[in-house]
Amino acid sequence: MGYHVIDPTDVDPFGEAGRDFRSLSTAVGLENLGLSHVTVAPGEQVPLQYHSHEEQEEAFYVVRGALHVETPAEAFVVDESEFFVVEPESPHRAFNPDDADEAVEVVAVGAPSVDDVRRYEP
């Protein structure tokens, strides 16, 4: 059996400037679940470009701020304490807009943990 208590600040961040991306699943060795803690400054994306997944399901939980998500059909604003759930084959781009007052903090979950990202060209 394996159990873990994780303080995201104990996990080394990676990524580009303006994004504090920490892979919690990698830190504890999870193979079937992608779990990340992401803090994104105004004007930055969370962390992928406009994309979809062939089989991965994703969920974003907004800890702080407001997450904006663009899809081919509509735009969403996901407020603190809300989830945004994405089914496979559903293009989306999650971001913090340029005019945001603060960073947005998100817990992102994806399963299965596969590398099936497909760039989407709107």
Protein backbone atom coordinates (compact mmCIF):
# COMPACT_ATOMS: atom_id res chain seq x y z
CA MET A 1 0.00 0.00 0.00
CA GLY A 2 1.12 3.54 -0.57
CA TYR A 3 -0.13 6.80 0.86
CA HIS A 4 1.17 10.31 0.36
CA VAL A 5 0.59 13.74 1.87
CA ILE A 6 1.89 16.33 -0.57
CA ASP A 7 2.61 20.00 -0.02
CA PRO A 8 2.78 21.37 -3.59
CA THR A 9 5.47 23.85 -2.52
CA ASP A 10 7.74 20.87 -1.78
CA VAL A 11 7.57 19.76 -5.44
CA ASP A 12 9.98 21.40 -7.87
CA PRO A 13 8.15 23.56 -10.44
CA PHE A 14 8.83 23.41 -14.16
CA GLY A 15 7.60 25.25 -17.20
CA GLU A 16 7.81 28.71 -18.62
CA ALA A 17 7.92 32.07 -16.85
CA GLY A 18 4.50 33.13 -15.59
CA ARG A 19 3.47 29.54 -14.86
CA ASP A 20 4.23 27.60 -11.72
CA PHE A 21 3.49 24.02 -12.82
CA ARG A 22 4.11 21.20 -10.34
CA SER A 23 3.46 17.56 -11.26
CA LEU A 24 2.27 15.91 -8.07
CA SER A 25 1.73 12.57 -9.81
CA THR A 26 5.37 12.47 -10.94
CA ALA A 27 6.56 13.44 -7.45
CA VAL A 28 4.95 10.34 -5.91
CA GLY A 29 5.26 7.98 -8.88
CA LEU A 30 1.65 7.67 -10.02
CA GLU A 31 1.30 5.95 -13.41
CA ASN A 32 -2.43 6.06 -14.19
CA LEU A 33 -3.40 9.53 -13.01
CA GLY A 34 -2.00 12.89 -13.96
CA LEU A 35 -2.25 15.29 -11.02
CA SER A 36 -0.83 18.81 -11.12
CA HIS A 37 -0.91 22.04 -9.14
CA VAL A 38 -0.69 25.08 -11.43
CA THR A 39 -0.53 28.80 -10.67
CA VAL A 40 -0.78 31.04 -13.72
CA ALA A 41 -0.12 34.77 -13.96
CA PRO A 42 -2.40 37.08 -15.95
CA GLY A 43 -1.89 36.57 -19.69
CA GLU A 44 -0.66 32.96 -19.41
CA GLN A 45 -2.12 29.57 -20.44
CA VAL A 46 -2.63 26.52 -18.20
CA PRO A 47 -0.06 24.97 -19.49
CA LEU A 48 -0.91 23.61 -22.96
CA GLN A 49 -1.98 25.45 -26.10
CA TYR A 50 -5.44 24.90 -27.60
CA HIS A 51 -5.68 21.10 -27.67
CA SER A 52 -7.72 17.95 -27.20
CA HIS A 53 -6.99 14.45 -25.95
CA GLU A 54 -7.83 11.23 -27.73
CA GLU A 55 -8.73 9.30 -24.57
CA GLN A 56 -7.76 11.35 -21.51
CA GLU A 57 -10.46 12.93 -19.38
CA GLU A 58 -9.53 16.13 -17.55
CA ALA A 59 -10.86 18.09 -14.61
CA PHE A 60 -9.71 21.49 -13.40
CA TYR A 61 -10.55 22.65 -9.86
CA VAL A 62 -10.13 26.38 -9.28
CA VAL A 63 -8.54 27.05 -5.90
CA ARG A 64 -8.10 30.81 -6.36
CA GLY A 65 -9.05 33.33 -9.04
CA ALA A 66 -11.11 32.64 -12.15
CA LEU A 67 -10.07 30.20 -14.87
CA HIS A 68 -11.11 31.06 -18.42
CA VAL A 69 -11.63 28.23 -20.91
CA GLU A 70 -12.11 28.67 -24.64
CA THR A 71 -13.82 25.93 -26.65
CA PRO A 72 -15.03 25.85 -30.26
CA ALA A 73 -18.64 26.26 -29.08
CA GLU A 74 -18.34 28.82 -26.27
CA ALA A 75 -16.18 30.46 -23.63
CA PHE A 76 -16.44 29.58 -19.94
CA VAL A 77 -15.44 31.36 -16.75
CA VAL A 78 -14.83 28.92 -13.91
CA ASP A 79 -14.85 30.60 -10.51
CA GLU A 80 -13.18 29.64 -7.23
CA SER A 81 -14.41 26.32 -5.80
CA GLU A 82 -15.80 25.21 -9.18
CA PHE A 83 -14.71 22.40 -11.49
CA PHE A 84 -14.40 22.41 -15.27
CA VAL A 85 -14.55 18.90 -16.73
CA VAL A 86 -13.41 17.99 -20.25
CA GLU A 87 -14.32 14.78 -22.06
CA PRO A 88 -11.99 13.15 -24.61
CA GLU A 89 -12.00 14.64 -28.14
CA SER A 90 -13.13 18.03 -26.75
CA PRO A 91 -10.84 20.91 -27.80
CA HIS A 92 -10.12 23.51 -25.12
CA ARG A 93 -7.66 26.17 -24.01
CA ALA A 94 -7.50 27.12 -20.33
CA PHE A 95 -5.94 30.47 -19.47
CA ASN A 96 -5.78 33.50 -17.22
CA PRO A 97 -6.68 36.58 -19.32
CA ASP A 98 -4.34 39.55 -19.76
CA ASP A 99 -6.65 41.84 -17.77
CA ALA A 100 -7.00 39.51 -14.74
CA ASP A 101 -6.37 41.13 -11.35
CA GLU A 102 -4.55 38.11 -9.91
CA ALA A 103 -2.99 34.76 -10.66
CA VAL A 104 -5.29 31.77 -11.00
CA GLU A 105 -4.49 28.65 -8.98
CA VAL A 106 -5.75 25.32 -10.30
CA VAL A 107 -5.54 21.63 -9.46
CA ALA A 108 -5.59 19.68 -12.74
CA VAL A 109 -6.43 15.98 -12.95
CA GLY A 110 -6.22 13.77 -16.03
CA ALA A 111 -6.81 10.07 -16.53
CA PRO A 112 -5.58 7.85 -17.89
CA SER A 113 -2.13 9.42 -17.71
CA VAL A 114 -1.23 9.13 -21.39
CA ASP A 115 0.56 11.40 -23.83
CA ASP A 116 -2.31 11.84 -26.29
CA VAL A 117 -2.34 15.62 -26.75
CA ARG A 118 -3.48 16.84 -30.16
CA ARG A 119 -3.01 20.49 -31.12
CA TYR A 120 -6.29 22.11 -32.17
CA GLU A 121 -6.37 24.84 -34.79
CA PRO A 122 -9.57 26.91 -34.40
